Amino acid sequence: MRYWWVNQNQTYRHEIAGGYLWSPKRNKNGARNPFYESMREVSPGDIIISFSDTRIAALGIAGSFCEESPLPTEFGTVGLQWSHGIGWRVDVHFRELRNRIRPKDHMGVLAPLLPEKYAPLQKDGDGLQSVYLAGVSEAFATTLFGLIGAETASVLAAAQATARSVDSANIPDITREEWERRVELDILEDSHVPETERTTLVQARRGQGVFRTNVQLIETACRITKVTHLEHLVASHMKPWRDGTNEERLNGENGLLLTPSIDHLFDKGFISFENGGDLILSPVADRASLVRMGVPVDARVNVGGFTEGQRKFLDYHRESVLKQSRQAGGRAKNRRNVLFNGD
């Protein structure tokens, strides 16, 4: 279990009512933002501390891993500040608090426990407008919960139950499924695309048809398990079908042949690959589950090289699918074949 602080001054009512966190992927100028990158390392059962209007307004329990998601329409004009419509979403079960303490009144005990890097508050207790989601230590969270009082007990118990019950191979993905269905419908209704091509593009969403044939011209086996029988392999997109152009949706270099369990891990961002073939394990992937699904976790794994075109699509997968922050000077430089268990 990890603890996250979220500043929700602008989006509080939408996110609390909707049961989620949403952030852009990057700043308006395209720069990486560590407080958006943090979304990629939230796990079910993690506790979310909601800060709004100078007070701790709610506590939440993460109910999902991070996924790509369009800008929520309910943000309205608030969302105009974010120029890119696709961001990160985490489902959260929020409970609003009766005792909404003001951290500024308690900085004598809280300030020494703030992280040195990426702190969500200034030392005087004032909030930082640049912060969205930031990790805090268990010591900081425990002290804060003591100040809030008895309301926190039920939240902590529920969070522990959620963390114990999570099966990382079976997290609901309703939002993404609905998103892809809308894209599919747009394709089927696009009169500018020939009908036969529309059918081909829809088949590609499920790794079938022309896309699968194109992938088979490049890939002959699962990169992890080495299974070669085609009936046991799935054609998996590196740049997700929903994000690609029509050409990219059918491009064989945008695909890998993977066994179903490895396809699940790759599609959900629990694993990825360096351009040179080294396997990357997400810090939120469950070690025991990976082993049971055929992924080595205790040794460096190299699956072989990729074509120039494949490397382009792998870049996208690491940037937009892999559940791992790419914070400068942080975990990104140590990501190869490593599972991180907290800070």
Protein backbone atom coordinates (compact mmCIF):
# COMPACT_ATOMS: atom_id res chain seq x y z
CA MET A 1 0.00 0.00 0.00
CA ARG A 2 1.23 3.47 -0.87
CA TYR A 3 -0.06 6.93 0.04
CA TRP A 4 -0.77 9.72 -2.44
CA TRP A 5 -1.66 13.39 -1.96
CA VAL A 6 -3.88 14.95 -4.63
CA ASN A 7 -4.58 18.67 -5.06
CA GLN A 8 -8.15 19.00 -6.34
CA ASN A 9 -9.06 22.66 -6.09
CA GLN A 10 -10.34 22.89 -9.66
CA THR A 11 -11.63 19.35 -10.17
CA TYR A 12 -12.70 18.31 -6.67
CA ARG A 13 -16.46 18.11 -7.18
CA HIS A 14 -16.16 16.29 -10.51
CA GLU A 15 -13.61 13.73 -9.35
CA ILE A 16 -15.26 13.07 -5.99
CA ALA A 17 -18.69 12.60 -7.55
CA GLY A 18 -17.34 10.60 -10.48
CA GLY A 19 -15.05 8.39 -8.41
CA TYR A 20 -11.78 8.94 -10.23
CA LEU A 21 -8.57 10.92 -10.62
CA TRP A 22 -7.68 12.33 -14.04
CA SER A 23 -4.58 14.16 -15.16
CA PRO A 24 -3.03 15.18 -18.47
CA LYS A 25 0.02 13.24 -19.56
CA ARG A 26 2.25 16.27 -19.89
CA ASN A 27 2.33 20.04 -19.40
CA LYS A 28 0.93 22.30 -22.10
CA ASN A 29 4.43 22.82 -23.48
CA GLY A 30 4.92 19.05 -23.82
CA ALA A 31 7.30 18.75 -20.87
CA ARG A 32 7.09 15.77 -18.54
CA ASN A 33 5.40 16.54 -15.21
CA PRO A 34 6.36 14.38 -12.19
CA PHE A 35 2.95 14.96 -10.62
CA TYR A 36 1.21 13.52 -13.69
CA GLU A 37 3.76 10.72 -13.99
CA SER A 38 2.84 9.60 -10.45
CA MET A 39 -0.53 8.45 -11.78
CA ARG A 40 1.25 5.57 -13.52
CA GLU A 41 2.34 3.98 -10.24
CA VAL A 42 -0.96 3.97 -8.33
CA SER A 43 -2.19 0.48 -7.41
CA PRO A 44 -5.58 -0.77 -6.17
CA GLY A 45 -5.69 -0.39 -2.40
CA ASP A 46 -3.47 2.69 -2.31
CA ILE A 47 -4.84 5.55 -0.20
CA ILE A 48 -5.55 8.94 -1.79
CA ILE A 49 -5.52 12.05 0.42
CA SER A 50 -7.67 14.77 -1.14
CA PHE A 51 -6.61 18.37 -0.50
CA SER A 52 -9.07 21.08 -1.51
CA ASP A 53 -9.61 24.66 -0.40
CA THR A 54 -6.68 24.46 2.08
CA ARG A 55 -8.14 21.42 3.89
CA ILE A 56 -8.11 17.62 3.79
CA ALA A 57 -11.57 17.15 2.32
CA ALA A 58 -11.75 13.43 1.58
CA LEU A 59 -9.89 10.14 1.67
CA GLY A 60 -10.01 7.69 -1.19
CA ILE A 61 -9.08 4.11 -2.00
CA ALA A 62 -7.66 3.44 -5.45
CA GLY A 63 -9.82 0.87 -7.21
CA SER A 64 -7.79 0.41 -10.39
CA PHE A 65 -4.43 0.84 -12.00
CA CYS A 66 -3.81 3.85 -14.20
CA GLU A 67 -5.19 3.75 -17.75
CA GLU A 68 -5.24 6.10 -20.71
CA SER A 69 -8.51 8.04 -20.78
CA PRO A 70 -10.02 11.02 -22.63
CA LEU A 71 -10.49 14.33 -20.83
CA PRO A 72 -13.71 14.07 -18.77
CA THR A 73 -16.45 16.10 -20.45
CA GLU A 74 -17.75 17.23 -17.06
CA PHE A 75 -14.59 19.30 -16.54
CA GLY A 76 -16.06 21.85 -18.95
CA THR A 77 -14.08 25.08 -19.12
CA VAL A 78 -11.67 23.81 -16.46
CA GLY A 79 -10.36 21.36 -19.03
CA LEU A 80 -9.51 24.08 -21.54
CA GLN A 81 -6.15 24.62 -19.82
CA TRP A 82 -5.08 21.15 -20.95
CA SER A 83 -4.34 21.19 -24.66
CA HIS A 84 -4.14 17.41 -25.04
CA GLY A 85 -7.39 15.48 -24.74
CA ILE A 86 -5.91 12.13 -23.65
CA GLY A 87 -4.59 11.69 -20.13
CA TRP A 88 -4.35 9.26 -17.22
CA ARG A 89 -7.28 8.00 -15.12
CA VAL A 90 -7.44 6.02 -11.88
CA ASP A 91 -10.73 4.86 -10.36
CA VAL A 92 -11.05 5.92 -6.70
CA HIS A 93 -13.68 5.24 -4.03
CA PHE A 94 -13.83 8.53 -2.11
CA ARG A 95 -15.24 9.24 1.35
CA GLU A 96 -15.71 12.90 2.24
CA LEU A 97 -14.64 13.84 5.76
CA ARG A 98 -16.53 15.56 8.53
CA ASN A 99 -13.34 16.66 10.31
CA ARG A 100 -11.61 18.60 7.52
CA ILE A 101 -8.37 19.59 9.14
CA ARG A 102 -6.16 22.36 7.74
CA PRO A 103 -2.55 21.07 7.37
CA LYS A 104 -1.24 24.63 7.76
CA ASP A 105 -2.35 24.49 11.40
CA HIS A 106 -0.23 21.36 12.08
CA MET A 107 3.03 21.94 10.21
CA GLY A 108 5.02 21.54 13.42
CA VAL A 109 4.47 17.78 13.17
CA LEU A 110 3.88 17.48 9.42
CA ALA A 111 6.71 19.54 7.93
CA PRO A 112 9.55 17.24 9.10
CA LEU A 113 7.80 14.32 7.37
CA LEU A 114 7.42 15.94 3.94
CA PRO A 115 9.49 14.36 1.16
CA GLU A 116 12.55 16.34 0.12
CA LYS A 117 11.62 15.99 -3.55
CA TYR A 118 8.17 16.46 -5.07
CA ALA A 119 6.58 17.55 -1.79
CA PRO A 120 2.86 18.42 -2.06
CA LEU A 121 3.08 21.32 0.43
CA GLN A 122 5.47 24.09 1.25
CA LYS A 123 7.11 24.00 4.67
CA ASP A 124 4.68 26.68 5.90
CA GLY A 125 1.69 24.54 4.91
CA ASP A 126 0.64 26.46 1.81
CA GLY A 127 -0.38 24.33 -1.15
CA LEU A 128 1.59 24.23 -4.38
CA GLN A 129 -0.41 24.97 -7.52
CA SER A 130 2.05 22.97 -9.61
CA VAL A 131 1.25 19.75 -7.73
CA TYR A 132 -1.44 17.29 -8.80
CA LEU A 133 -0.55 13.84 -7.41
CA ALA A 134 2.46 13.31 -5.14
CA GLY A 135 3.58 10.39 -3.03
CA VAL A 136 3.93 10.81 0.73
CA SER A 137 5.48 8.51 3.30
CA GLU A 138 3.60 6.18 5.62
CA ALA A 139 4.86 8.25 8.55
CA PHE A 140 3.38 11.43 7.05
CA ALA A 141 0.07 9.70 6.28
CA THR A 142 -0.17 8.08 9.72
CA THR A 143 0.43 11.42 11.44
CA LEU A 144 -2.17 13.09 9.26
CA PHE A 145 -4.72 10.35 9.97
CA GLY A 146 -4.13 10.80 13.69
CA LEU A 147 -5.00 14.49 13.34
CA ILE A 148 -8.18 13.66 11.39
CA GLY A 149 -9.31 11.11 13.96
CA ALA A 150 -11.60 8.08 14.02
CA GLU A 151 -12.99 8.62 10.51
CA THR A 152 -9.81 7.21 9.03
CA ALA A 153 -10.14 3.75 10.59
CA SER A 154 -12.81 2.48 8.20
CA VAL A 155 -10.93 3.84 5.19
CA LEU A 156 -7.71 2.08 6.21
CA ALA A 157 -9.54 -1.20 6.76
CA ALA A 158 -11.25 -0.96 3.37
CA ALA A 159 -7.96 -0.13 1.66
CA GLN A 160 -6.26 -3.18 3.12
CA ALA A 161 -9.16 -5.38 2.03
CA THR A 162 -8.99 -3.94 -1.50
CA ALA A 163 -5.24 -4.54 -1.74
CA ARG A 164 -5.63 -8.16 -0.57
CA SER A 165 -8.45 -8.94 -2.99
CA VAL A 166 -6.88 -7.49 -6.14
CA ASP A 167 -6.14 -9.90 -8.97
CA SER A 168 -3.92 -7.94 -11.33
CA ALA A 169 -4.96 -10.20 -14.20
CA ASN A 170 -8.62 -9.26 -13.87
CA ILE A 171 -9.01 -5.51 -13.27
CA PRO A 172 -12.22 -4.13 -14.85
CA ASP A 173 -11.56 -1.87 -17.82
CA ILE A 174 -15.02 -0.51 -18.63
CA THR A 175 -13.87 3.02 -19.43
CA ARG A 176 -11.32 1.93 -22.03
CA GLU A 177 -13.72 -0.58 -23.55
CA GLU A 178 -16.35 2.13 -24.02
CA TRP A 179 -13.74 4.46 -25.51
CA GLU A 180 -12.63 1.85 -28.05
CA ARG A 181 -16.22 1.08 -28.95
CA ARG A 182 -16.80 4.75 -29.73
CA VAL A 183 -13.72 4.78 -31.97
CA GLU A 184 -14.94 1.60 -33.65
CA LEU A 185 -18.36 3.13 -34.27
CA ASP A 186 -16.74 6.23 -35.78
CA ILE A 187 -14.80 4.03 -38.19
CA LEU A 188 -17.89 2.04 -39.19
CA GLU A 189 -19.81 5.26 -39.88
CA ASP A 190 -16.99 6.98 -41.81
CA SER A 191 -18.21 7.10 -45.40
CA HIS A 192 -14.79 8.31 -46.56
CA VAL A 193 -13.29 4.90 -45.76
CA PRO A 194 -14.21 2.01 -48.10
CA GLU A 195 -16.48 -0.55 -46.45
CA THR A 196 -13.99 -3.41 -46.81
CA GLU A 197 -11.29 -1.31 -45.12
CA ARG A 198 -13.65 -0.43 -42.28
CA THR A 199 -14.15 -4.14 -41.58
CA THR A 200 -10.38 -4.72 -41.71
CA LEU A 201 -9.73 -1.91 -39.23
CA VAL A 202 -12.33 -3.22 -36.78
CA GLN A 203 -10.85 -6.73 -36.99
CA ALA A 204 -7.43 -5.26 -36.18
CA ARG A 205 -8.75 -4.07 -32.80
CA ARG A 206 -8.89 -7.71 -31.72
CA GLY A 207 -5.63 -8.69 -33.41
CA GLN A 208 -7.32 -10.42 -36.33
CA GLY A 209 -7.36 -10.28 -40.12
CA VAL A 210 -4.85 -8.24 -42.09
CA PHE A 211 -3.13 -6.89 -38.99
CA ARG A 212 -2.37 -10.39 -37.68
CA THR A 213 -1.10 -11.46 -41.12
CA ASN A 214 1.19 -8.42 -41.26
CA VAL A 215 2.58 -9.13 -37.79
CA GLN A 216 3.29 -12.76 -38.76
CA LEU A 217 5.56 -11.51 -41.56
CA ILE A 218 7.87 -10.10 -38.85
CA GLU A 219 7.28 -12.11 -35.65
CA THR A 220 7.33 -15.91 -35.40
CA ALA A 221 7.07 -16.61 -31.65
CA CYS A 222 6.14 -15.10 -28.30
CA ARG A 223 9.08 -13.00 -27.16
CA ILE A 224 8.76 -14.19 -23.54
CA THR A 225 7.52 -17.79 -23.62
CA LYS A 226 8.99 -18.72 -27.04
CA VAL A 227 5.72 -20.44 -28.05
CA THR A 228 5.65 -20.76 -31.86
CA HIS A 229 2.29 -22.42 -32.60
CA LEU A 230 0.15 -19.66 -34.12
CA GLU A 231 -3.08 -21.01 -32.62
CA HIS A 232 -1.69 -20.15 -29.18
CA LEU A 233 -0.58 -16.61 -30.06
CA VAL A 234 -2.33 -13.24 -30.06
CA ALA A 235 -1.37 -10.32 -32.33
CA SER A 236 -0.91 -7.45 -29.87
CA HIS A 237 -0.56 -3.76 -30.75
CA MET A 238 2.38 -1.79 -29.32
CA LYS A 239 0.74 1.56 -30.02
CA PRO A 240 -2.82 0.81 -28.93
CA TRP A 241 -5.46 0.45 -31.64
CA ARG A 242 -7.48 3.29 -30.12
CA ASP A 243 -4.53 5.71 -30.39
CA GLY A 244 -3.29 4.85 -33.87
CA THR A 245 -4.01 6.13 -37.34
CA ASN A 246 -5.68 3.73 -39.74
CA GLU A 247 -2.26 2.93 -41.23
CA GLU A 248 -0.76 2.26 -37.79
CA ARG A 249 -3.67 -0.01 -36.85
CA LEU A 250 -2.71 -2.40 -39.69
CA ASN A 251 1.08 -1.92 -39.63
CA GLY A 252 2.81 -5.23 -38.87
CA GLU A 253 5.70 -3.41 -37.16
CA ASN A 254 3.16 -2.16 -34.61
CA GLY A 255 2.59 -5.69 -33.35
CA LEU A 256 4.00 -8.64 -31.44
CA LEU A 257 2.85 -12.24 -31.31
CA LEU A 258 2.30 -13.09 -27.64
CA THR A 259 0.64 -15.85 -25.65
CA PRO A 260 -2.66 -14.64 -24.09
CA SER A 261 -1.24 -14.09 -20.60
CA ILE A 262 1.76 -12.17 -21.93
CA ASP A 263 -0.55 -10.20 -24.24
CA HIS A 264 -2.59 -9.19 -21.18
CA LEU A 265 0.51 -7.98 -19.33
CA PHE A 266 1.79 -6.05 -22.36
CA ASP A 267 -1.60 -4.58 -23.28
CA LYS A 268 -2.22 -3.39 -19.70
CA GLY A 269 1.29 -1.95 -19.30
CA PHE A 270 2.61 -4.36 -16.68
CA ILE A 271 5.56 -5.16 -18.95
CA SER A 272 7.32 -3.53 -21.88
CA PHE A 273 10.65 -3.71 -23.71
CA GLU A 274 13.67 -1.50 -24.24
CA ASN A 275 14.60 -0.91 -27.86
CA GLY A 276 17.53 -3.28 -27.39
CA GLY A 277 15.26 -6.09 -26.18
CA ASP A 278 15.61 -5.87 -22.40
CA LEU A 279 12.39 -6.69 -20.58
CA ILE A 280 10.88 -3.96 -18.37
CA LEU A 281 8.66 -4.85 -15.40
CA SER A 282 6.21 -2.28 -14.08
CA PRO A 283 6.65 -1.38 -10.40
CA VAL A 284 2.95 -2.07 -9.81
CA ALA A 285 3.00 -5.59 -11.31
CA ASP A 286 2.55 -8.39 -8.79
CA ARG A 287 5.71 -10.50 -8.65
CA ALA A 288 3.94 -13.80 -7.86
CA SER A 289 1.44 -13.27 -10.68
CA LEU A 290 4.21 -12.55 -13.16
CA VAL A 291 5.98 -15.80 -12.26
CA ARG A 292 2.77 -17.80 -12.62
CA MET A 293 2.18 -16.19 -16.03
CA GLY A 294 5.61 -17.19 -17.29
CA VAL A 295 7.61 -13.98 -16.77
CA PRO A 296 11.07 -14.26 -15.13
CA VAL A 297 11.46 -11.68 -12.37
CA ASP A 298 14.83 -12.41 -10.77
CA ALA A 299 17.17 -12.14 -13.74
CA ARG A 300 17.82 -9.85 -16.65
CA VAL A 301 15.83 -10.95 -19.70
CA ASN A 302 16.61 -9.93 -23.27
CA VAL A 303 14.11 -10.98 -25.94
CA GLY A 304 16.18 -10.01 -28.98
CA GLY A 305 16.30 -6.98 -31.23
CA PHE A 306 13.52 -5.08 -32.95
CA THR A 307 13.24 -3.43 -36.35
CA GLU A 308 13.49 0.34 -36.68
CA GLY A 309 9.72 0.55 -37.14
CA GLN A 310 9.06 -1.62 -34.09
CA ARG A 311 11.32 0.56 -31.97
CA LYS A 312 9.21 3.60 -32.89
CA PHE A 313 6.07 1.88 -31.66
CA LEU A 314 7.82 0.56 -28.54
CA ASP A 315 8.75 4.15 -27.69
CA TYR A 316 5.03 4.95 -27.69
CA HIS A 317 4.23 1.90 -25.55
CA ARG A 318 6.77 2.92 -22.90
CA GLU A 319 5.50 6.51 -22.92
CA SER A 320 1.75 5.90 -22.98
CA VAL A 321 1.00 2.35 -21.81
CA LEU A 322 3.69 1.15 -19.39
CA LYS A 323 2.64 1.61 -15.76
CA GLN A 324 5.81 3.29 -14.63
CA SER A 325 6.72 6.90 -14.03
CA ARG A 326 9.54 8.38 -16.07
CA GLN A 327 10.55 11.04 -13.53
CA ALA A 328 13.96 12.52 -14.24
CA GLY A 329 16.49 11.23 -11.76
CA GLY A 330 13.96 8.82 -10.25
CA ARG A 331 12.89 5.29 -10.94
CA ALA A 332 13.10 5.55 -14.72
CA LYS A 333 16.86 5.13 -14.77
CA ASN A 334 16.53 1.88 -12.78
CA ARG A 335 13.54 0.37 -14.52
CA ARG A 336 15.11 -2.60 -16.32
CA ASN A 337 13.83 -5.87 -14.87
CA VAL A 338 13.10 -4.28 -11.51
CA LEU A 339 9.99 -4.36 -9.35
CA PHE A 340 9.73 -1.44 -6.92
CA ASN A 341 7.94 -2.00 -3.65
CA GLY A 342 7.33 1.52 -2.36
CA ASP A 343 9.89 4.24 -1.86
